[in-house]
Amino acid sequence: MQRRNSFYVTLMVLLTLPIYSIGQCPNICQIDSASLGPSITPEGGISPDTLPPAVAYNSYTSNVTFFIPLEMNTQFGNATVTKLKIKKIIGLPIGLKWECDHSNCEYQPQSNPPSSQYGCVRICGTPTVSEGFYPITVIADGTGEVSGISRTREVTYNTGIRILPDTTSGGACDYAPQSGCAPLDVAFETNFPSNGNNGYTYDWDFGNGLQSNVESPQPPVYNQPGPYEFTCGVTIDTSSVYILSNVTILEAGAGDVNCNPLGPEGDYYIKITSPSGFSWTSSTIDNTDPPVSWQPKPDSQFDLSNQTYTIEVKEADNGICGNDDDLGATNFNGHQSGIDTMTTSGGSDGLAKVEIDIQHPIIKFADTSSINVFENPNIDSLKILSGTDTICKGDSALLSISTNAPFIDW
């Protein structure tokens, strides 16, 4: 029998989590300065430059060591690096979190070099995403002094992690027998029973023209000889997590953006509220025309409740042209997963088209395999060669059979 088993875990719409999670890993990371070796440059270094692969639905731990230079060349001249603060890590697959070895993830390389120039981050958790490569971006604020003037700028570093499939899974279902003569009844059983819980859906295609979506299907009958390929799958949607991962203003019109002394582009921001009292206001993206995007509340997961949220779109005038422009509002339910595009209404200064992305983890298991059904042999004749047609208990007889069957069981 040839069996092809595939295991995968998906998220609706997008398979990454573009907000980051700081969490408590089992142990603090350990600095491995020797691993940096020749990778250290005047701009610093990091090791490993790509995270070791993880296996979906399996525990994972990895350490990353980095080196901070004491000086860097900038457009303003040679700068003394005084501080580096890691703000967020974007792109970690759901289930993974990170933790650095310094309080508040703040490093001061000048305090006690060279040891103070090293730091580390531990990645840990259990990834619940499908196989594939996931780009990761580390965002930090670097502070330096040039001619006695302190300057801070945002710096980024790009890396990634590969998620491998879980090959230890036994598949989505079991079945028996795997072969036999027609007509053949085959019993199927899921390896992921619901145990009466909601959120489980099943998909069976027995390969003989019959399908089912019940948890425990009746054994299908294979009446004709031949090979049959069947598929079985289960979708588990039991997570209560709904994460607003991204909000984008695709289009916007504001009456007085041209009064901006910094340029004709707008200065957009959004505000998200709910009847339960939740309120969050984004940062303002200055002097930039749409599309402009935010990853809401990047210091934690933006976990939504099953209620209606309102997004208000604003264009900041900073008092130069009066009040901020009102570009209307639109509503969404916190437990609607996927990408949705909406147009605001009620704006006194124009309207905006907004796109939201709500991620919700859904686990899927799928299996494909085959059943071999043989022709039922026709027995032509059975003869007793002992010279008598009567056999009593304890007698011996020599039997002969004439048939086209490929094999015979006695």
Protein backbone atom coordinates (compact mmCIF):
# COMPACT_ATOMS: atom_id res chain seq x y z
CA MET A 1 0.00 0.00 0.00
CA GLN A 2 1.22 3.48 -0.82
CA ARG A 3 0.16 6.11 1.68
CA ARG A 4 0.66 9.84 1.35
CA ASN A 5 0.07 11.75 4.54
CA SER A 6 0.08 15.53 4.73
CA PHE A 7 -0.22 17.55 7.88
CA TYR A 8 -0.78 21.25 7.83
CA VAL A 9 -2.01 23.99 10.12
CA THR A 10 -3.39 27.15 8.58
CA LEU A 11 -4.69 30.53 9.48
CA MET A 12 -7.53 32.03 7.65
CA VAL A 13 -6.29 34.35 4.92
CA LEU A 14 -2.73 34.99 6.12
CA LEU A 15 -0.41 32.48 7.68
CA THR A 16 1.82 34.80 9.65
CA LEU A 17 1.29 36.98 12.65
CA PRO A 18 2.58 40.44 11.74
CA ILE A 19 2.55 41.65 15.31
CA TYR A 20 4.93 40.46 17.95
CA SER A 21 4.67 38.73 21.24
CA ILE A 22 6.94 39.17 24.23
CA GLY A 23 6.55 36.23 26.56
CA GLN A 24 8.17 34.27 29.31
CA CYS A 25 10.45 31.66 27.77
CA PRO A 26 11.53 28.77 30.02
CA ASN A 27 15.07 30.13 30.41
CA ILE A 28 16.89 33.36 29.59
CA CYS A 29 18.96 33.17 26.44
CA GLN A 30 22.70 32.62 26.66
CA ILE A 31 25.12 34.84 24.75
CA ASP A 32 27.31 32.89 22.33
CA SER A 33 29.89 35.46 21.26
CA ALA A 34 32.05 32.81 19.58
CA SER A 35 29.27 32.03 17.12
CA LEU A 36 29.49 35.52 15.63
CA GLY A 37 33.06 35.05 14.44
CA PRO A 38 33.74 36.79 11.11
CA SER A 39 30.12 37.94 10.83
CA ILE A 40 30.93 40.96 13.02
CA THR A 41 31.20 44.10 10.88
CA PRO A 42 31.52 47.81 11.72
CA GLU A 43 27.72 47.86 11.69
CA GLY A 44 27.48 44.97 14.17
CA GLY A 45 26.62 41.32 13.74
CA ILE A 46 24.04 38.64 14.49
CA SER A 47 24.18 34.86 14.76
CA PRO A 48 22.52 32.86 13.43
CA ASP A 49 21.47 35.13 10.58
CA THR A 50 18.55 32.77 9.89
CA LEU A 51 16.80 30.95 12.72
CA PRO A 52 17.09 27.15 12.88
CA PRO A 53 14.01 25.47 11.42
CA ALA A 54 11.03 24.59 13.61
CA VAL A 55 8.51 21.77 13.23
CA ALA A 56 4.83 22.66 13.14
CA TYR A 57 3.03 21.83 16.35
CA ASN A 58 6.25 20.91 18.16
CA SER A 59 8.03 22.75 20.97
CA TYR A 60 10.77 25.10 19.75
CA THR A 61 13.60 27.04 21.40
CA SER A 62 16.42 28.98 19.77
CA ASN A 63 18.90 31.66 20.85
CA VAL A 64 20.10 34.59 18.76
CA THR A 65 23.26 36.51 19.74
CA PHE A 66 24.00 40.01 18.43
CA PHE A 67 26.87 42.48 18.64
CA ILE A 68 26.49 46.28 18.93
CA PRO A 69 29.33 48.48 17.62
CA LEU A 70 30.69 51.35 19.72
CA GLU A 71 30.77 53.71 16.75
CA MET A 72 29.01 53.98 13.41
CA ASN A 73 29.35 56.18 10.36
CA THR A 74 26.26 58.29 9.71
CA GLN A 75 25.30 61.09 7.36
CA PHE A 76 26.00 63.47 10.22
CA GLY A 77 29.48 62.12 10.87
CA ASN A 78 31.02 59.48 13.12
CA ALA A 79 28.50 58.63 15.84
CA THR A 80 29.10 57.10 19.26
CA VAL A 81 26.47 54.41 19.81
CA THR A 82 25.02 54.92 23.28
CA LYS A 83 21.89 52.78 23.29
CA LEU A 84 19.97 50.15 21.37
CA LYS A 85 16.40 49.29 22.29
CA ILE A 86 14.59 46.39 20.59
CA LYS A 87 11.01 47.55 20.06
CA LYS A 88 9.33 44.69 18.25
CA ILE A 89 9.77 41.62 16.14
CA ILE A 90 7.39 41.36 13.20
CA GLY A 91 6.52 38.15 11.43
CA LEU A 92 6.91 35.50 14.12
CA PRO A 93 4.52 32.64 13.35
CA ILE A 94 1.64 32.26 15.77
CA GLY A 95 2.67 30.23 18.80
CA LEU A 96 6.20 31.66 19.01
CA LYS A 97 7.23 34.42 21.39
CA TRP A 98 10.49 36.16 22.15
CA GLU A 99 12.40 37.42 25.15
CA CYS A 100 15.66 39.35 25.45
CA ASP A 101 18.28 39.07 28.17
CA HIS A 102 18.15 42.74 29.26
CA SER A 103 15.42 44.57 31.10
CA ASN A 104 13.13 46.43 28.67
CA CYS A 105 15.30 45.04 25.85
CA GLU A 106 17.57 48.07 26.23
CA TYR A 107 21.33 47.81 25.69
CA GLN A 108 24.08 50.35 26.44
CA PRO A 109 27.22 49.22 24.63
CA GLN A 110 29.44 51.92 26.16
CA SER A 111 28.79 50.81 29.75
CA ASN A 112 31.33 47.97 29.94
CA PRO A 113 32.76 47.01 26.54
CA PRO A 114 33.26 44.54 25.08
CA SER A 115 30.85 42.47 27.21
CA SER A 116 28.21 45.24 27.13
CA GLN A 117 28.28 45.12 23.33
CA TYR A 118 26.68 41.67 23.27
CA GLY A 119 23.06 40.73 23.75
CA CYS A 120 20.75 37.88 22.93
CA VAL A 121 17.13 37.01 22.23
CA ARG A 122 15.41 33.68 22.88
CA ILE A 123 12.65 32.49 20.56
CA CYS A 124 10.40 29.85 22.09
CA GLY A 125 6.96 28.29 21.90
CA THR A 126 5.03 25.94 19.63
CA PRO A 127 4.39 27.18 16.07
CA THR A 128 0.86 26.49 14.89
CA VAL A 129 1.22 27.41 11.23
CA SER A 130 1.75 25.55 7.98
CA GLU A 131 5.12 24.62 6.57
CA GLY A 132 7.01 27.35 4.74
CA PHE A 133 9.49 30.15 5.21
CA TYR A 134 8.39 33.11 7.32
CA PRO A 135 10.28 36.42 6.96
CA ILE A 136 10.94 38.15 10.27
CA THR A 137 11.87 41.78 10.84
CA VAL A 138 13.50 43.06 14.02
CA ILE A 139 12.83 46.76 14.67
CA ALA A 140 14.93 48.71 17.15
CA ASP A 141 15.78 52.28 18.07
CA GLY A 142 19.46 53.11 17.89
CA THR A 143 20.73 56.17 19.75
CA GLY A 144 24.04 57.82 19.00
CA GLU A 145 25.89 61.06 19.70
CA VAL A 146 27.43 63.20 17.01
CA SER A 147 29.36 66.27 18.14
CA GLY A 148 27.59 66.12 21.49
CA ILE A 149 24.12 65.96 19.93
CA SER A 150 22.09 62.83 20.64
CA ARG A 151 20.11 61.38 17.77
CA THR A 152 17.79 58.35 17.67
CA ARG A 153 16.76 56.56 14.54
CA GLU A 154 14.89 53.38 13.79
CA VAL A 155 16.97 50.48 12.54
CA THR A 156 15.73 47.17 11.14
CA TYR A 157 17.18 43.73 10.61
CA ASN A 158 15.62 41.06 8.42
CA THR A 159 15.83 37.35 9.11
CA GLY A 160 13.43 34.43 8.94
CA ILE A 161 12.44 30.96 10.10
CA ARG A 162 11.43 27.85 8.19
CA ILE A 163 8.56 25.78 9.54
CA LEU A 164 8.77 22.11 8.64
CA PRO A 165 5.76 19.75 8.46
CA ASP A 166 5.06 17.42 11.36
CA THR A 167 5.87 14.03 9.85
CA THR A 168 5.15 12.22 13.13
CA SER A 169 1.40 12.68 12.72
CA GLY A 170 -0.51 9.45 12.12
CA GLY A 171 -2.72 11.06 9.52
CA ALA A 172 -6.27 12.26 9.60
CA CYS A 173 -7.92 8.82 9.60
CA ASP A 174 -7.50 5.07 9.79
CA TYR A 175 -9.29 2.40 7.74
CA ALA A 176 -9.61 -1.36 7.45
CA PRO A 177 -9.32 -3.57 5.53
CA GLN A 178 -6.81 -2.06 3.14
CA SER A 179 -7.59 -4.58 0.41
CA GLY A 180 -9.98 -7.43 -0.36
CA CYS A 181 -12.36 -8.91 -2.87
CA ALA A 182 -15.41 -7.16 -4.26
CA PRO A 183 -17.85 -6.34 -2.84
CA LEU A 184 -15.65 -4.90 -0.09
CA ASP A 185 -16.90 -3.01 2.97
CA VAL A 186 -14.28 -0.65 4.43
CA ALA A 187 -14.61 0.97 7.85
CA PHE A 188 -13.18 4.48 8.28
CA GLU A 189 -12.38 6.23 11.56
CA THR A 190 -11.08 9.75 12.19
CA ASN A 191 -7.98 10.20 14.31
CA PHE A 192 -9.35 13.51 15.59
CA PRO A 193 -12.72 12.86 17.24
CA SER A 194 -14.72 15.86 18.40
CA ASN A 195 -15.78 14.18 21.66
CA GLY A 196 -18.99 16.15 21.40
CA ASN A 197 -17.24 19.53 21.09
CA ASN A 198 -18.24 22.12 18.52
CA GLY A 199 -15.87 23.44 15.87
CA TYR A 200 -14.99 20.14 14.17
CA THR A 201 -15.87 19.54 10.53
CA TYR A 202 -15.08 16.42 8.53
CA ASP A 203 -14.62 15.76 4.83
CA TRP A 204 -14.58 12.28 3.33
CA ASP A 205 -14.23 11.32 -0.34
CA PHE A 206 -14.11 7.53 -0.59
CA GLY A 207 -13.07 7.47 -4.24
CA ASN A 208 -16.05 5.39 -5.34
CA GLY A 209 -18.40 8.29 -5.96
CA LEU A 210 -19.49 8.56 -2.33
CA GLN A 211 -18.72 11.48 -0.03
CA SER A 212 -19.61 12.30 3.56
CA ASN A 213 -19.17 15.10 6.08
CA VAL A 214 -20.14 13.23 9.24
CA GLU A 215 -17.65 12.33 11.94
CA SER A 216 -18.27 8.57 11.79
CA PRO A 217 -19.43 7.60 8.28
CA GLN A 218 -21.11 4.32 7.43
CA PRO A 219 -18.65 1.88 5.81
CA PRO A 220 -18.77 2.43 2.04
CA VAL A 221 -19.01 -0.57 -0.27
CA TYR A 222 -16.58 -1.04 -3.16
CA ASN A 223 -18.47 -3.21 -5.66
CA GLN A 224 -16.05 -3.15 -8.57
CA PRO A 225 -12.43 -4.34 -8.63
CA GLY A 226 -9.66 -1.81 -9.02
CA PRO A 227 -7.56 0.68 -7.07
CA TYR A 228 -9.44 3.44 -5.25
CA GLU A 229 -7.84 6.63 -3.94
CA PHE A 230 -9.65 8.24 -1.04
CA THR A 231 -9.16 11.43 0.95
CA CYS A 232 -10.16 12.31 4.47
CA GLY A 233 -9.76 15.54 6.38
CA VAL A 234 -10.71 17.34 9.55
CA THR A 235 -10.86 21.07 10.23
CA ILE A 236 -10.64 22.16 13.85
CA ASP A 237 -11.93 25.66 14.52
CA THR A 238 -11.99 25.86 18.31
CA SER A 239 -9.67 28.79 19.00
CA SER A 240 -11.15 31.89 20.59
CA VAL A 241 -8.29 34.02 19.25
CA TYR A 242 -9.16 36.70 16.69
CA ILE A 243 -6.29 39.12 16.12
CA LEU A 244 -6.53 42.42 14.29
CA SER A 245 -3.14 42.22 12.62
CA ASN A 246 -3.32 45.09 10.17
CA VAL A 247 -5.37 48.16 9.22
CA THR A 248 -4.70 49.96 5.94
CA ILE A 249 -6.18 53.17 4.57
CA LEU A 250 -6.32 52.37 0.86
CA GLU A 251 -7.85 55.64 -0.29
CA ALA A 252 -8.75 58.87 1.48
CA GLY A 253 -9.98 62.33 0.70
CA ALA A 254 -9.58 65.28 3.04
CA GLY A 255 -10.64 68.84 2.44
CA ASP A 256 -7.58 70.68 3.65
CA VAL A 257 -4.55 68.39 3.51
CA ASN A 258 -2.92 70.94 1.24
CA CYS A 259 -2.56 73.32 4.16
CA ASN A 260 0.12 71.03 5.58
CA PRO A 261 3.33 73.13 5.70
CA LEU A 262 5.42 69.96 5.39
CA GLY A 263 3.95 69.08 2.02
CA PRO A 264 0.72 68.28 0.20
CA GLU A 265 0.43 64.73 1.54
CA GLY A 266 -1.87 63.85 4.42
CA ASP A 267 -1.12 63.02 8.04
CA TYR A 268 -3.41 60.09 8.76
CA TYR A 269 -4.33 58.25 11.92
CA ILE A 270 -7.13 55.95 13.06
CA LYS A 271 -9.07 55.36 16.26
CA ILE A 272 -10.69 52.04 17.15
CA THR A 273 -13.42 51.86 19.80
CA SER A 274 -16.07 49.42 21.01
CA PRO A 275 -19.26 49.67 23.12
CA SER A 276 -17.48 47.86 25.97
CA GLY A 277 -15.19 50.86 26.44
CA PHE A 278 -12.21 49.70 24.43
CA SER A 279 -10.29 52.54 22.77
CA TRP A 280 -7.05 52.62 20.83
CA THR A 281 -5.57 55.46 18.78
CA SER A 282 -2.80 54.80 16.30
CA SER A 283 0.27 56.86 15.68
CA THR A 284 0.07 59.54 12.98
CA ILE A 285 1.77 58.71 9.70
CA ASP A 286 3.00 62.13 8.65
CA ASN A 287 3.19 63.56 5.16
CA THR A 288 2.27 60.31 3.40
CA ASP A 289 -0.51 59.57 0.96
CA PRO A 290 -2.46 56.28 1.13
CA PRO A 291 -1.99 53.43 1.27
CA VAL A 292 -0.81 53.73 4.88
CA SER A 293 -0.90 50.86 7.37
CA TRP A 294 -0.78 50.16 11.08
CA GLN A 295 -0.21 47.02 13.09
CA PRO A 296 -2.48 47.82 16.02
CA LYS A 297 -1.01 47.82 19.51
CA PRO A 298 2.35 46.32 18.50
CA ASP A 299 3.40 45.68 22.11
CA SER A 300 0.82 42.87 22.48
CA GLN A 301 -1.60 40.78 20.49
CA PHE A 302 -4.64 42.78 19.45
CA ASP A 303 -7.11 40.10 20.53
CA LEU A 304 -10.68 40.94 19.55
CA SER A 305 -13.91 40.06 21.32
CA ASN A 306 -17.17 39.04 19.67
CA GLN A 307 -18.54 42.57 19.49
CA THR A 308 -18.82 45.46 17.05
CA TYR A 309 -15.80 47.75 16.72
CA THR A 310 -15.70 51.17 15.08
CA ILE A 311 -12.77 52.52 13.07
CA GLU A 312 -12.62 56.30 12.74
CA VAL A 313 -10.30 57.75 10.10
CA LYS A 314 -8.71 61.14 10.71
CA GLU A 315 -6.28 63.46 8.97
CA ALA A 316 -4.27 65.53 11.42
CA ASP A 317 -4.02 69.30 10.91
CA ASN A 318 -2.21 69.98 14.19
CA GLY A 319 -4.23 73.14 14.71
CA ILE A 320 -2.84 74.77 11.59
CA CYS A 321 -6.08 74.48 9.65
CA GLY A 322 -8.44 74.06 12.54
CA ASN A 323 -9.66 70.71 13.76
CA ASP A 324 -8.42 67.43 12.34
CA ASP A 325 -10.26 66.31 9.22
CA ASP A 326 -13.07 63.82 9.79
CA LEU A 327 -13.00 61.08 7.14
CA GLY A 328 -15.87 59.08 8.58
CA ALA A 329 -16.12 55.75 10.34
CA THR A 330 -16.93 52.12 9.62
CA ASN A 331 -17.77 49.08 11.73
CA PHE A 332 -16.60 45.48 11.87
CA ASN A 333 -17.24 42.46 14.07
CA GLY A 334 -14.28 41.21 16.08
CA HIS A 335 -14.96 37.58 15.17
CA GLN A 336 -15.04 37.98 11.40
CA SER A 337 -11.81 36.47 10.18
CA GLY A 338 -9.99 37.32 6.99
CA ILE A 339 -9.40 40.45 4.95
CA ASP A 340 -12.28 42.87 4.48
CA THR A 341 -12.48 46.17 2.64
CA MET A 342 -14.92 48.82 3.80
CA THR A 343 -15.78 52.42 2.98
CA THR A 344 -16.38 54.88 5.77
CA SER A 345 -19.52 56.97 6.05
CA GLY A 346 -20.52 60.18 7.77
CA GLY A 347 -17.25 62.02 7.25
CA SER A 348 -17.64 65.80 7.26
CA ASP A 349 -14.39 66.26 5.31
CA GLY A 350 -14.44 63.25 3.03
CA LEU A 351 -14.48 59.48 3.07
CA ALA A 352 -11.90 56.71 3.17
CA LYS A 353 -11.56 53.13 2.00
CA VAL A 354 -10.19 50.90 4.76
CA GLU A 355 -8.88 47.35 4.69
CA ILE A 356 -8.65 45.23 7.85
CA ASP A 357 -7.02 41.86 8.39
CA ILE A 358 -8.30 39.68 11.25
CA GLN A 359 -6.36 36.47 11.76
CA HIS A 360 -7.94 33.41 13.34
CA PRO A 361 -6.04 30.11 13.73
CA ILE A 362 -7.69 27.09 12.13
CA ILE A 363 -6.05 23.66 12.31
CA LYS A 364 -6.38 21.23 9.41
CA PHE A 365 -5.30 17.63 8.95
CA ALA A 366 -5.57 15.84 5.61
CA ASP A 367 -4.82 12.33 4.42
CA THR A 368 -4.75 10.60 1.04
CA SER A 369 -4.36 6.85 0.59
CA SER A 370 -5.54 3.93 -1.54
CA ILE A 371 -7.61 0.74 -1.32
CA ASN A 372 -7.11 -2.23 -3.63
CA VAL A 373 -10.24 -4.19 -4.52
CA PHE A 374 -9.84 -7.52 -6.32
CA GLU A 375 -12.26 -9.45 -8.49
CA ASN A 376 -14.24 -12.07 -6.62
CA PRO A 377 -13.04 -15.43 -8.05
CA ASN A 378 -15.50 -17.88 -9.60
CA ILE A 379 -14.93 -21.46 -8.38
CA ASP A 380 -15.69 -23.84 -11.26
CA SER A 381 -15.57 -27.18 -9.52
CA LEU A 382 -14.38 -28.93 -6.41
CA LYS A 383 -13.56 -32.62 -6.60
CA ILE A 384 -12.77 -35.19 -3.98
CA LEU A 385 -10.15 -37.57 -5.33
CA SER A 386 -10.50 -40.20 -2.62
CA GLY A 387 -12.94 -42.29 -4.69
CA THR A 388 -15.99 -41.54 -2.58
CA ASP A 389 -18.36 -38.65 -2.17
CA THR A 390 -18.96 -39.43 1.46
CA ILE A 391 -16.64 -38.07 4.13
CA CYS A 392 -17.11 -38.74 7.81
CA LYS A 393 -15.47 -37.16 10.79
CA GLY A 394 -11.94 -38.39 11.07
CA ASP A 395 -11.66 -39.38 7.39
CA SER A 396 -8.94 -38.08 5.07
CA ALA A 397 -9.58 -36.86 1.55
CA LEU A 398 -7.56 -35.45 -1.36
CA LEU A 399 -9.16 -32.31 -2.80
CA SER A 400 -8.66 -30.70 -6.21
CA ILE A 401 -10.03 -27.35 -7.41
CA SER A 402 -10.33 -25.82 -10.87
CA THR A 403 -10.60 -22.01 -10.79
CA ASN A 404 -9.29 -18.78 -12.30
CA ALA A 405 -8.58 -17.31 -8.86
CA PRO A 406 -5.04 -15.92 -8.41
CA PHE A 407 -4.87 -17.43 -4.93
CA ILE A 408 -6.87 -19.88 -2.82
CA ASP A 409 -7.38 -20.12 0.93
CA TRP A 410 -8.34 -23.51 2.43
